[in-house]
Amino acid sequence: MLTELFKKHKQWVNYIKSFGCPDDTAEDYVQEMYIKIHYHIEKNGNTLIYGNNNEVNFYFIYVILKNMYQDDLR
């Protein structure tokens, strides 16, 4: 699962940077997101996979990243 997410690493970093976040900080957010996903998988299993397609729920990832960034802004 994390391997699939890592394939879009640059996309995750660019998403955070689109909020105005500096490059190095964006990398930190993405690394923290991987940790959160790892713990989520340990606790809930692979609930981020769509049906039989083994497709990752990328919307969930976007929401995690957006919320992490907004929480830090507060």
Protein backbone atom coordinates (compact mmCIF):
# COMPACT_ATOMS: atom_id res chain seq x y z
CA MET A 1 0.00 0.00 0.00
CA LEU A 2 2.70 2.49 0.97
CA THR A 3 4.58 1.50 -2.17
CA GLU A 4 1.57 2.55 -4.24
CA LEU A 5 1.38 5.86 -2.38
CA PHE A 6 5.08 6.50 -2.86
CA LYS A 7 4.67 6.26 -6.62
CA LYS A 8 2.87 9.60 -6.42
CA HIS A 9 5.28 11.18 -3.94
CA LYS A 10 6.01 14.16 -6.19
CA GLN A 11 2.27 14.73 -6.65
CA TRP A 12 1.74 14.81 -2.87
CA VAL A 13 4.58 17.30 -2.42
CA ASN A 14 3.23 19.51 -5.21
CA TYR A 15 -0.23 19.40 -3.65
CA ILE A 16 1.09 20.75 -0.34
CA LYS A 17 3.25 23.31 -2.16
CA SER A 18 0.12 24.57 -3.94
CA PHE A 19 -1.00 25.95 -0.56
CA GLY A 20 2.12 28.14 -0.45
CA CYS A 21 4.18 25.75 1.64
CA PRO A 22 8.00 25.82 1.14
CA ASP A 23 9.64 22.80 -0.53
CA ASP A 24 11.38 21.38 2.54
CA THR A 25 8.29 21.76 4.72
CA ALA A 26 6.12 20.12 2.05
CA GLU A 27 8.46 17.10 2.11
CA ASP A 28 8.04 16.94 5.90
CA TYR A 29 4.24 16.91 5.59
CA VAL A 30 4.35 14.09 3.06
CA GLN A 31 6.70 12.04 5.24
CA GLU A 32 4.35 12.54 8.19
CA MET A 33 1.43 11.50 5.98
CA TYR A 34 3.18 8.18 5.23
CA ILE A 35 3.50 7.58 8.97
CA LYS A 36 -0.18 8.37 9.55
CA ILE A 37 -1.21 6.03 6.74
CA HIS A 38 1.04 3.29 8.13
CA TYR A 39 -0.66 3.55 11.55
CA HIS A 40 -4.09 3.69 9.90
CA ILE A 41 -3.35 0.46 8.02
CA GLU A 42 -2.11 -1.24 11.19
CA LYS A 43 -5.26 -0.26 13.07
CA ASN A 44 -7.94 -0.63 10.36
CA GLY A 45 -6.42 -2.84 7.68
CA ASN A 46 -6.31 -1.85 4.03
CA THR A 47 -9.49 0.22 4.15
CA LEU A 48 -7.94 2.69 1.71
CA ILE A 49 -8.27 0.26 -1.20
CA TYR A 50 -11.22 0.42 -3.61
CA GLY A 51 -12.90 -2.92 -4.29
CA ASN A 52 -11.28 -5.45 -6.58
CA ASN A 53 -9.20 -2.90 -8.49
CA ASN A 54 -6.63 -2.56 -5.70
CA GLU A 55 -6.83 1.17 -6.31
CA VAL A 56 -5.85 3.53 -3.49
CA ASN A 57 -8.40 6.09 -2.28
CA PHE A 58 -6.34 9.14 -3.23
CA TYR A 59 -9.07 11.53 -2.11
CA PHE A 60 -8.47 10.33 1.46
CA ILE A 61 -4.78 11.15 1.05
CA TYR A 62 -5.55 14.65 -0.22
CA VAL A 63 -7.83 15.27 2.76
CA ILE A 64 -5.15 14.09 5.21
CA LEU A 65 -2.55 16.40 3.67
CA LYS A 66 -4.92 19.37 3.54
CA ASN A 67 -5.99 18.90 7.15
CA MET A 68 -2.42 18.51 8.37
CA TYR A 69 -1.43 21.78 6.70
CA GLN A 70 -4.50 23.67 7.91
CA ASP A 71 -4.05 22.39 11.47
CA ASP A 72 -0.51 23.73 11.53
CA LEU A 73 -1.68 27.11 10.28
CA ARG A 74 -3.97 27.48 13.29
